[in-house]
C-alpha atoms as a PDB file:
ATOM      1  CA  MET A   1     126.342-224.873  24.206  1.00  0.00           C
ATOM      2  CA  GLY A   2     129.011-225.075  21.683  1.00  0.00           C
ATOM      3  CA  ARG A   3     126.905-223.591  19.295  1.00  0.00           C
ATOM      4  CA  ASP A   4     126.526-220.741  21.495  1.00  0.00           C
ATOM      5  CA  GLY A   5     129.767-220.211  22.587  1.00  0.00           C
ATOM      6  CA  ALA A   6     130.720-220.087  19.080  1.00  0.00           C
ATOM      7  CA  GLY A   7     128.632-218.258  17.921  1.00  0.00           C
ATOM      8  CA  ALA A   8     128.807-215.582  20.782  1.00  0.00           C
ATOM      9  CA  GLY A   9     131.949-213.642  19.309  1.00  0.00           C
ATOM     10  CA  ARG A  10     130.729-212.893  15.583  1.00  0.00           C
ATOM     11  CA  ASP A  11     128.516-210.250  14.479  1.00  0.00           C
ATOM     12  CA  PRO A  12     125.119-210.811  12.759  1.00  0.00           C
ATOM     13  CA  VAL A  13     125.500-210.795   8.874  1.00  0.00           C
ATOM     14  CA  PRO A  14     122.467-208.226   7.815  1.00  0.00           C
ATOM     15  CA  MET A  15     120.198-210.156   5.153  1.00  0.00           C
ATOM     16  CA  GLY A  16     121.071-208.988   1.527  1.00  0.00           C
ATOM     17  CA  THR A  17     124.662-207.895   2.205  1.00  0.00           C
ATOM     18  CA  SER A  18     126.243-209.925  -0.425  1.00  0.00           C
ATOM     19  CA  LEU A  19     124.185-208.539  -2.637  1.00  0.00           C
ATOM     20  CA  GLY A  20     126.296-205.534  -2.553  1.00  0.00           C
ATOM     21  CA  ARG A  21     129.407-207.100  -2.127  1.00  0.00           C
ATOM     22  CA  GLY A  22     131.845-208.704  -5.111  1.00  0.00           C
ATOM     23  CA  GLY A  23     130.487-210.272  -8.434  1.00  0.00           C
ATOM     24  CA  VAL A  24     128.618-208.465 -11.101  1.00  0.00           C
ATOM     25  CA  ALA A  25     125.251-208.508  -9.351  1.00  0.00           C
ATOM     26  CA  GLY A  26     127.160-206.894  -6.895  1.00  0.00           C
ATOM     27  CA  CYS A  27     128.977-204.354  -9.020  1.00  0.00           C
ATOM     28  CA  LEU A  28     125.528-203.547 -10.345  1.00  0.00           C
ATOM     29  CA  TRP A  29     124.132-202.782  -6.644  1.00  0.00           C
ATOM     30  CA  ASN A  30     127.328-200.557  -5.709  1.00  0.00           C
ATOM     31  CA  GLY A  31     127.062-198.618  -9.374  1.00  0.00           C
ATOM     32  CA  CYS A  32     130.600-199.576 -10.424  1.00  0.00           C
ATOM     33  CA  LEU A  33     129.343-200.434 -14.259  1.00  0.00           C
ATOM     34  CA  ALA A  34     127.022-197.415 -14.271  1.00  0.00           C
ATOM     35  CA  VAL A  35     129.958-195.395 -16.324  1.00  0.00           C
ATOM     36  CA  PRO A  36     130.720-197.410 -18.889  1.00  0.00           C
ATOM     37  CA  ALA A  37     126.899-198.774 -19.284  1.00  0.00           C
ATOM     38  CA  LEU A  38     126.426-194.527 -20.041  1.00  0.00           C
ATOM     39  CA  ALA A  39     129.260-194.163 -21.896  1.00  0.00           C
ATOM     40  CA  LEU A  40     128.358-197.326 -23.982  1.00  0.00           C
ATOM     41  CA  LEU A  41     124.487-195.418 -24.498  1.00  0.00           C
ATOM     42  CA  VAL A  42     126.091-192.463 -25.023  1.00  0.00           C
ATOM     43  CA  VAL A  43     127.944-194.268 -28.430  1.00  0.00           C
ATOM     44  CA  CYS A  44     125.275-195.713 -29.456  1.00  0.00           C
ATOM     45  CA  GLY A  45     123.397-192.511 -29.352  1.00  0.00           C
ATOM     46  CA  LEU A  46     126.032-190.961 -31.311  1.00  0.00           C
ATOM     47  CA  TRP A  47     126.270-193.408 -33.547  1.00  0.00           C
ATOM     48  CA  VAL A  48     122.265-193.249 -34.100  1.00  0.00           C
ATOM     49  CA  GLY A  49     122.504-189.907 -34.524  1.00  0.00           C
ATOM     50  CA  LEU A  50     125.106-189.819 -37.509  1.00  0.00           C
ATOM     51  CA  ALA A  51     123.488-192.067 -39.304  1.00  0.00           C
ATOM     52  CA  VAL A  52     120.256-190.663 -39.131  1.00  0.00           C
ATOM     53  CA  ALA A  53     121.937-187.348 -40.273  1.00  0.00           C
ATOM     54  CA  GLY A  54     123.880-188.739 -43.418  1.00  0.00           C
ATOM     55  CA  HIS A  55     120.613-190.026 -44.039  1.00  0.00           C
ATOM     56  CA  ARG A  56     119.084-186.864 -44.277  1.00  0.00           C
ATOM     57  CA  GLY A  57     121.818-184.964 -45.969  1.00  0.00           C
ATOM     58  CA  GLU A  58     121.985-187.581 -48.531  1.00  0.00           C
ATOM     59  CA  SER A  59     118.130-186.816 -49.207  1.00  0.00           C
ATOM     60  CA  GLU A  60     118.375-183.282 -48.913  1.00  0.00           C
ATOM     61  CA  ALA A  61     121.363-183.277 -51.381  1.00  0.00           C
ATOM     62  CA  HIS A  62     119.261-184.980 -54.080  1.00  0.00           C
ATOM     63  CA  GLY A  63     116.705-183.203 -53.219  1.00  0.00           C
ATOM     64  CA  ALA A  64     118.605-179.683 -54.334  1.00  0.00           C
ATOM     65  CA  MET A  65     120.352-181.197 -57.446  1.00  0.00           C
ATOM     66  CA  ALA A  66     116.465-182.249 -58.479  1.00  0.00           C
ATOM     67  CA  ARG A  67     115.232-178.596 -57.957  1.00  0.00           C
ATOM     68  CA  GLN A  68     118.071-177.284 -59.680  1.00  0.00           C
ATOM     69  CA  ALA A  69     117.386-179.609 -62.677  1.00  0.00           C
ATOM     70  CA  ALA A  70     113.913-178.116 -62.867  1.00  0.00           C
ATOM     71  CA  LEU A  71     115.299-174.602 -62.322  1.00  0.00           C
ATOM     72  CA  THR A  72     117.357-174.892 -66.020  1.00  0.00           C
ATOM     73  CA  ARG A  73     114.973-176.858 -67.368  1.00  0.00           C
ATOM     74  CA  SER A  74     112.405-173.837 -67.004  1.00  0.00           C
ATOM     75  CA  ARG A  75     115.060-171.589 -67.743  1.00  0.00           C
ATOM     76  CA  LEU A  76     116.363-173.168 -70.996  1.00  0.00           C
ATOM     77  CA  ALA A  77     112.567-173.293 -71.601  1.00  0.00           C
ATOM     78  CA  GLY A  78     112.108-169.348 -71.334  1.00  0.00           C
ATOM     79  CA  SER A  79     115.292-168.440 -73.730  1.00  0.00           C
ATOM     80  CA  ALA A  80     113.925-170.855 -76.188  1.00  0.00           C
ATOM     81  CA  ARG A  81     110.683-168.956 -76.372  1.00  0.00           C
ATOM     82  CA  ASP A  82     111.497-166.454 -78.782  1.00  0.00           C
ATOM     83  CA  GLY A  83     111.803-169.356 -81.458  1.00  0.00           C
ATOM     84  CA  VAL A  84     116.274-169.426 -81.036  1.00  0.00           C
ATOM     85  CA  LEU A  85     118.418-171.029 -78.752  1.00  0.00           C
ATOM     86  CA  LEU A  86     121.563-169.538 -79.055  1.00  0.00           C
ATOM     87  CA  GLY A  87     124.713-171.008 -76.994  1.00  0.00           C
ATOM     88  CA  THR A  88     125.127-167.784 -75.005  1.00  0.00           C
ATOM     89  CA  GLU A  89     121.858-168.605 -73.604  1.00  0.00           C
ATOM     90  CA  ILE A  90     122.412-172.136 -72.827  1.00  0.00           C
ATOM     91  CA  ASP A  91     125.747-171.171 -70.797  1.00  0.00           C
ATOM     92  CA  ARG A  92     123.710-168.992 -68.592  1.00  0.00           C
ATOM     93  CA  ASP A  93     120.975-170.865 -68.370  1.00  0.00           C
ATOM     94  CA  VAL A  94     123.009-173.953 -66.887  1.00  0.00           C
ATOM     95  CA  ARG A  95     125.609-172.317 -65.503  1.00  0.00           C
ATOM     96  CA  THR A  96     123.745-170.283 -62.907  1.00  0.00           C
ATOM     97  CA  GLY A  97     123.308-173.274 -61.135  1.00  0.00           C
ATOM     98  CA  ARG A  98     125.627-175.948 -59.392  1.00  0.00           C
ATOM     99  CA  VAL A  99     127.786-177.659 -62.287  1.00  0.00           C
ATOM    100  CA  LEU A 100     130.534-179.889 -62.696  1.00  0.00           C
ATOM    101  CA  GLY A 101     132.772-180.142 -65.504  1.00  0.00           C
ATOM    102  CA  PRO A 102     131.528-179.080 -69.402  1.00  0.00           C
ATOM    103  CA  VAL A 103     128.445-178.817 -70.609  1.00  0.00           C
ATOM    104  CA  ARG A 104     127.622-180.782 -74.082  1.00  0.00           C
ATOM    105  CA  VAL A 105     125.264-179.434 -76.588  1.00  0.00           C
ATOM    106  CA  ARG A 106     123.740-181.112 -79.621  1.00  0.00           C
ATOM    107  CA  ARG A 107     121.932-179.479 -82.384  1.00  0.00           C
ATOM    108  CA  GLN A 108     120.105-181.698 -84.408  1.00  0.00           C
ATOM    109  CA  GLY A 109     117.278-180.535 -86.352  1.00  0.00           C
ATOM    110  CA  GLY A 110     114.712-178.781 -84.419  1.00  0.00           C
ATOM    111  CA  THR A 111     116.142-180.164 -81.446  1.00  0.00           C
ATOM    112  CA  VAL A 112     118.314-179.329 -79.136  1.00  0.00           C
ATOM    113  CA  THR A 113     120.253-181.619 -76.767  1.00  0.00           C
ATOM    114  CA  VAL A 114     121.741-180.330 -73.080  1.00  0.00           C
ATOM    115  CA  THR A 115     123.570-182.932 -70.859  1.00  0.00           C
ATOM    116  CA  ALA A 116     125.530-181.449 -67.779  1.00  0.00           C
ATOM    117  CA  ARG A 117     126.352-183.221 -64.427  1.00  0.00           C
ATOM    118  CA  LEU A 118     125.067-180.933 -61.697  1.00  0.00           C
ATOM    119  CA  GLU A 119     125.414-181.209 -57.983  1.00  0.00           C
ATOM    120  CA  GLY A 120     123.472-180.313 -54.446  1.00  0.00           C
ATOM    121  CA  PHE A 121     124.704-180.075 -51.356  1.00  0.00           C
ATOM    122  CA  GLY A 122     122.553-181.082 -47.745  1.00  0.00           C
ATOM    123  CA  PRO A 123     123.658-180.716 -43.659  1.00  0.00           C
ATOM    124  CA  GLY A 124     126.089-183.603 -42.890  1.00  0.00           C
ATOM    125  CA  ALA A 125     127.992-184.977 -39.416  1.00  0.00           C
ATOM    126  CA  MET A 126     131.133-183.148 -40.758  1.00  0.00           C
ATOM    127  CA  GLY A 127     130.459-180.533 -42.591  1.00  0.00           C
ATOM    128  CA  ARG A 128     128.016-181.129 -46.013  1.00  0.00           C
ATOM    129  CA  THR A 129     126.328-184.223 -47.907  1.00  0.00           C
ATOM    130  CA  GLU A 130     127.557-183.604 -51.789  1.00  0.00           C
ATOM    131  CA  ALA A 131     125.311-185.328 -54.717  1.00  0.00           C
ATOM    132  CA  THR A 132     125.584-185.349 -58.019  1.00  0.00           C
ATOM    133  CA  GLY A 133     124.067-186.201 -61.384  1.00  0.00           C
ATOM    134  CA  CYS A 134     124.001-186.571 -65.283  1.00  0.00           C
ATOM    135  CA  TYR A 135     120.939-185.203 -66.920  1.00  0.00           C
ATOM    136  CA  ARG A 136     119.899-184.578 -70.064  1.00  0.00           C
ATOM    137  CA  PHE A 137     117.558-181.652 -71.193  1.00  0.00           C
ATOM    138  CA  ARG A 138     115.945-181.718 -74.886  1.00  0.00           C
ATOM    139  CA  ILE A 139     114.551-178.392 -75.841  1.00  0.00           C
ATOM    140  CA  VAL A 140     112.152-178.924 -78.921  1.00  0.00           C
ATOM    141  CA  ALA A 141     110.094-175.564 -79.938  1.00  0.00           C
ATOM    142  CA  VAL A 142     109.538-173.831 -76.447  1.00  0.00           C
ATOM    143  CA  ARG A 143     109.381-176.951 -74.840  1.00  0.00           C
ATOM    144  CA  ALA A 144     111.954-178.481 -72.197  1.00  0.00           C
ATOM    145  CA  THR A 145     112.168-182.251 -71.053  1.00  0.00           C
ATOM    146  CA  SER A 146     114.907-183.118 -68.365  1.00  0.00           C
ATOM    147  CA  ALA A 147     116.022-186.742 -67.729  1.00  0.00           C
ATOM    148  CA  ARG A 148     118.516-188.045 -65.199  1.00  0.00           C
ATOM    149  CA  VAL A 149     121.295-190.048 -67.430  1.00  0.00           C
ATOM    150  CA  PRO A 150     124.060-192.903 -66.891  1.00  0.00           C
ATOM    151  CA  ASP A 151     126.973-190.779 -65.804  1.00  0.00           C
ATOM    152  CA  THR A 152     128.797-192.236 -68.780  1.00  0.00           C
ATOM    153  CA  SER A 153     126.467-189.977 -70.574  1.00  0.00           C
ATOM    154  CA  CYS A 154     128.970-186.692 -69.135  1.00  0.00           C
ATOM    155  CA  ALA A 155     131.798-187.750 -70.137  1.00  0.00           C
ATOM    156  CA  ALA A 156     132.002-186.135 -73.563  1.00  0.00           C
ATOM    157  CA  PRO A 157     135.333-185.990 -75.791  1.00  0.00           C
ATOM    158  CA  ALA A 158     136.910-182.249 -75.655  1.00  0.00           C
ATOM    159  CA  SER A 159     136.358-181.793 -79.478  1.00  0.00           C
ATOM    160  CA  ALA A 160     133.031-182.122 -78.961  1.00  0.00           C
ATOM    161  CA  LEU A 161     133.054-179.540 -76.517  1.00  0.00           C
ATOM    162  CA  TYR A 162     134.614-176.707 -78.109  1.00  0.00           C
ATOM    163  CA  ARG A 163     132.865-173.588 -79.816  1.00  0.00           C
ATOM    164  CA  PRO A 164     134.815-171.762 -82.163  1.00  0.00           C
ATOM    165  CA  PRO A 165     135.050-167.721 -81.005  1.00  0.00           C
ATOM    166  CA  GLY A 166     133.482-166.933 -84.022  1.00  0.00           C
ATOM    167  CA  GLN A 167     130.583-169.159 -83.006  1.00  0.00           C
ATOM    168  CA  VAL A 168     130.460-167.122 -80.097  1.00  0.00           C
ATOM    169  CA  ALA A 169     130.757-163.745 -81.547  1.00  0.00           C
ATOM    170  CA  ASP A 170     127.968-163.847 -83.741  1.00  0.00           C
ATOM    171  CA  ASP A 171     125.782-165.532 -80.529  1.00  0.00           C
ATOM    172  CA  VAL A 172     126.481-162.285 -79.013  1.00  0.00           C
ATOM    173  CA  VAL A 173     125.533-159.989 -81.770  1.00  0.00           C
ATOM    174  CA  ALA A 174     122.233-161.722 -82.317  1.00  0.00           C
ATOM    175  CA  GLU A 175     121.954-160.825 -78.407  1.00  0.00           C
ATOM    176  CA  VAL A 176     123.105-157.490 -78.920  1.00  0.00           C
ATOM    177  CA  ARG A 177     120.607-156.842 -81.973  1.00  0.00           C
ATOM    178  CA  ALA A 178     117.799-158.360 -79.862  1.00  0.00           C
ATOM    179  CA  ALA A 179     118.438-155.781 -77.023  1.00  0.00           C
ATOM    180  CA  LEU A 180     118.475-153.122 -79.326  1.00  0.00           C
ATOM    181  CA  GLY A 181     115.301-154.135 -80.940  1.00  0.00           C
ATOM    182  CA  LYS A 182     113.686-153.860 -77.320  1.00  0.00           C
ATOM    183  CA  GLY A 183     115.241-151.134 -75.624  1.00  0.00           C
ATOM    184  CA  GLY A 184     118.023-149.258 -77.460  1.00  0.00           C
ATOM    185  CA  VAL A 185     121.378-148.544 -76.314  1.00  0.00           C
ATOM    186  CA  GLU A 186     120.948-148.609 -72.825  1.00  0.00           C
ATOM    187  CA  ALA A 187     119.351-152.179 -73.317  1.00  0.00           C
ATOM    188  CA  VAL A 188     122.219-153.288 -74.466  1.00  0.00           C
ATOM    189  CA  ARG A 189     124.263-151.784 -71.850  1.00  0.00           C
ATOM    190  CA  VAL A 190     123.050-154.272 -69.486  1.00  0.00           C
ATOM    191  CA  ALA A 191     121.468-156.787 -71.495  1.00  0.00           C
ATOM    192  CA  PRO A 192     122.565-160.310 -69.863  1.00  0.00           C
ATOM    193  CA  VAL A 193     124.804-161.399 -72.681  1.00  0.00           C
ATOM    194  CA  TRP A 194     127.695-159.869 -70.674  1.00  0.00           C
ATOM    195  CA  ARG A 195     127.074-162.015 -68.065  1.00  0.00           C
ATOM    196  CA  THR A 196     127.471-165.024 -69.758  1.00  0.00           C
ATOM    197  CA  PRO A 197     130.397-167.192 -68.752  1.00  0.00           C
ATOM    198  CA  GLY A 198     133.862-166.919 -70.526  1.00  0.00           C
ATOM    199  CA  ILE A 199     132.799-163.262 -71.877  1.00  0.00           C
ATOM    200  CA  ASP A 200     134.611-161.468 -70.222  1.00  0.00           C
ATOM    201  CA  VAL A 201     133.832-156.926 -70.907  1.00  0.00           C
ATOM    202  CA  VAL A 202     137.203-155.350 -71.012  1.00  0.00           C
ATOM    203  CA  ASN A 203     135.869-151.566 -71.647  1.00  0.00           C
ATOM    204  CA  VAL A 204     132.652-149.884 -72.435  1.00  0.00           C
ATOM    205  CA  GLU A 205     132.598-146.557 -74.442  1.00  0.00           C
ATOM    206  CA  SER A 206     129.506-144.701 -74.759  1.00  0.00           C
ATOM    207  CA  SER A 207     127.759-141.559 -76.129  1.00  0.00           C
ATOM    208  CA  THR A 208     124.342-140.405 -77.192  1.00  0.00           C
ATOM    209  CA  GLY A 209     123.209-143.002 -79.172  1.00  0.00           C
ATOM    210  CA  LYS A 210     126.132-144.952 -79.472  1.00  0.00           C
ATOM    211  CA  LEU A 211     127.675-147.712 -77.772  1.00  0.00           C
ATOM    212  CA  ASP A 212     131.236-149.698 -78.239  1.00  0.00           C
ATOM    213  CA  VAL A 213     131.895-152.605 -75.769  1.00  0.00           C
ATOM    214  CA  THR A 214     135.414-154.631 -76.064  1.00  0.00           C
ATOM    215  CA  PHE A 215     135.003-157.658 -75.038  1.00  0.00           C
ATOM    216  CA  ARG A 216     137.300-161.019 -75.280  1.00  0.00           C
ATOM    217  CA  LEU A 217     136.013-164.906 -75.276  1.00  0.00           C
ATOM    218  CA  LEU A 218     138.018-167.135 -72.884  1.00  0.00           C
ATOM    219  CA  GLU A 219     138.786-169.884 -74.480  1.00  0.00           C
ATOM    220  CA  PRO A 220     138.054-172.897 -72.264  1.00  0.00           C
ATOM    221  CA  GLY A 221     141.061-175.331 -70.172  1.00  0.00           C
ATOM    222  CA  VAL A 222     143.358-172.190 -71.340  1.00  0.00           C
ATOM    223  CA  SER A 223     142.887-169.572 -68.755  1.00  0.00           C
ATOM    224  CA  LEU A 224     145.780-167.508 -70.501  1.00  0.00           C
ATOM    225  CA  ARG A 225     144.520-167.314 -73.949  1.00  0.00           C
ATOM    226  CA  SER A 226     141.682-165.699 -75.348  1.00  0.00           C
ATOM    227  CA  GLN A 227     140.025-163.823 -78.495  1.00  0.00           C
ATOM    228  CA  CYS A 228     139.272-160.172 -78.876  1.00  0.00           C
ATOM    229  CA  TYR A 229     136.500-158.256 -80.347  1.00  0.00           C
ATOM    230  CA  VAL A 230     134.686-155.080 -80.386  1.00  0.00           C
ATOM    231  CA  VAL A 231     130.744-154.812 -81.021  1.00  0.00           C
ATOM    232  CA  ASP A 232     129.835-151.121 -82.414  1.00  0.00           C
ATOM    233  CA  VAL A 233     125.920-150.033 -81.605  1.00  0.00           C
ATOM    234  CA  ARG A 234     124.323-147.766 -83.127  1.00  0.00           C
ATOM    235  CA  GLN A 235     120.661-146.731 -82.306  1.00  0.00           C
ATOM    236  CA  ALA A 236     119.867-144.461 -85.244  1.00  0.00           C
ATOM    237  CA  PRO A 237     119.822-145.582 -87.791  1.00  0.00           C
ATOM    238  CA  SER A 238     120.009-149.216 -86.059  1.00  0.00           C
ATOM    239  CA  SER A 239     122.983-151.226 -86.516  1.00  0.00           C
ATOM    240  CA  VAL A 240     125.236-153.406 -84.797  1.00  0.00           C
ATOM    241  CA  ALA A 241     129.066-154.069 -86.219  1.00  0.00           C
ATOM    242  CA  LEU A 242     131.557-156.829 -85.013  1.00  0.00           C
ATOM    243  CA  ARG A 243     135.002-156.139 -85.394  1.00  0.00           C
ATOM    244  CA  LYS A 244     138.707-157.668 -84.721  1.00  0.00           C
ATOM    245  CA  PRO A 245     140.486-154.470 -82.339  1.00  0.00           C
ATOM    246  CA  ALA A 246     144.177-153.233 -82.689  1.00  0.00           C
ATOM    247  CA  ALA A 247     146.739-155.062 -80.421  1.00  0.00           C
ATOM    248  CA  GLY A 248     146.344-154.813 -77.132  1.00  0.00           C
ATOM    249  CA  ARG A 249     143.404-153.149 -77.060  1.00  0.00           C
ATOM    250  CA  CYS A 250     142.047-156.495 -74.247  1.00  0.00           C
ATOM    251  CA  GLY A 251     145.447-155.382 -72.549  1.00  0.00           C
END
């Protein structure tokens, strides 16, 4: 009788109600931890995505650098095909791609060794991924090889990198003579030598069978200093002459 009276004023409690109230189990049941759990999943997903993107970007950057090395090797071999590899040709072959810092050239007997730091780029989560490496190219006759070498090999002293303007001018004359022999004055006008880094064409004067090109050679590391030259080209009789112009000719 007492038990019936004590329980007469209470509502029955449905089974399972305690699982929806209070405690971790109850919070999970009601969904109050859904937002933090979702946020954690998003953060983890972003972290994994960044890690994957970074690895892919680094791999693509190194691949681009390796392709650049292969292309440079091929260009050097092509320039050496005529039996002579000029300094101006090396400047174009190497610097056409992405190069960091100076290019070191060493000649010993019939072997030309070129050392340069190349770079490659790949995608990145916050921009792009960069890879750099020092490469050594050896050219013997018409065969060129390349190899990745320690970065210290690219740390050459400035004295070993400088080429006197007179040597560069001699290379210009050699290339001009070769172009003249192949295609006359017009071939000289569009010769690759004028696209060599460090050679700045100031003026071109032409007439029938004649071409005078005024150019300056920029000294490495000294942007405001240069050496001025004029190359006089005549088609008949065939001749190429180099001279120093009057002061002020190069501006």
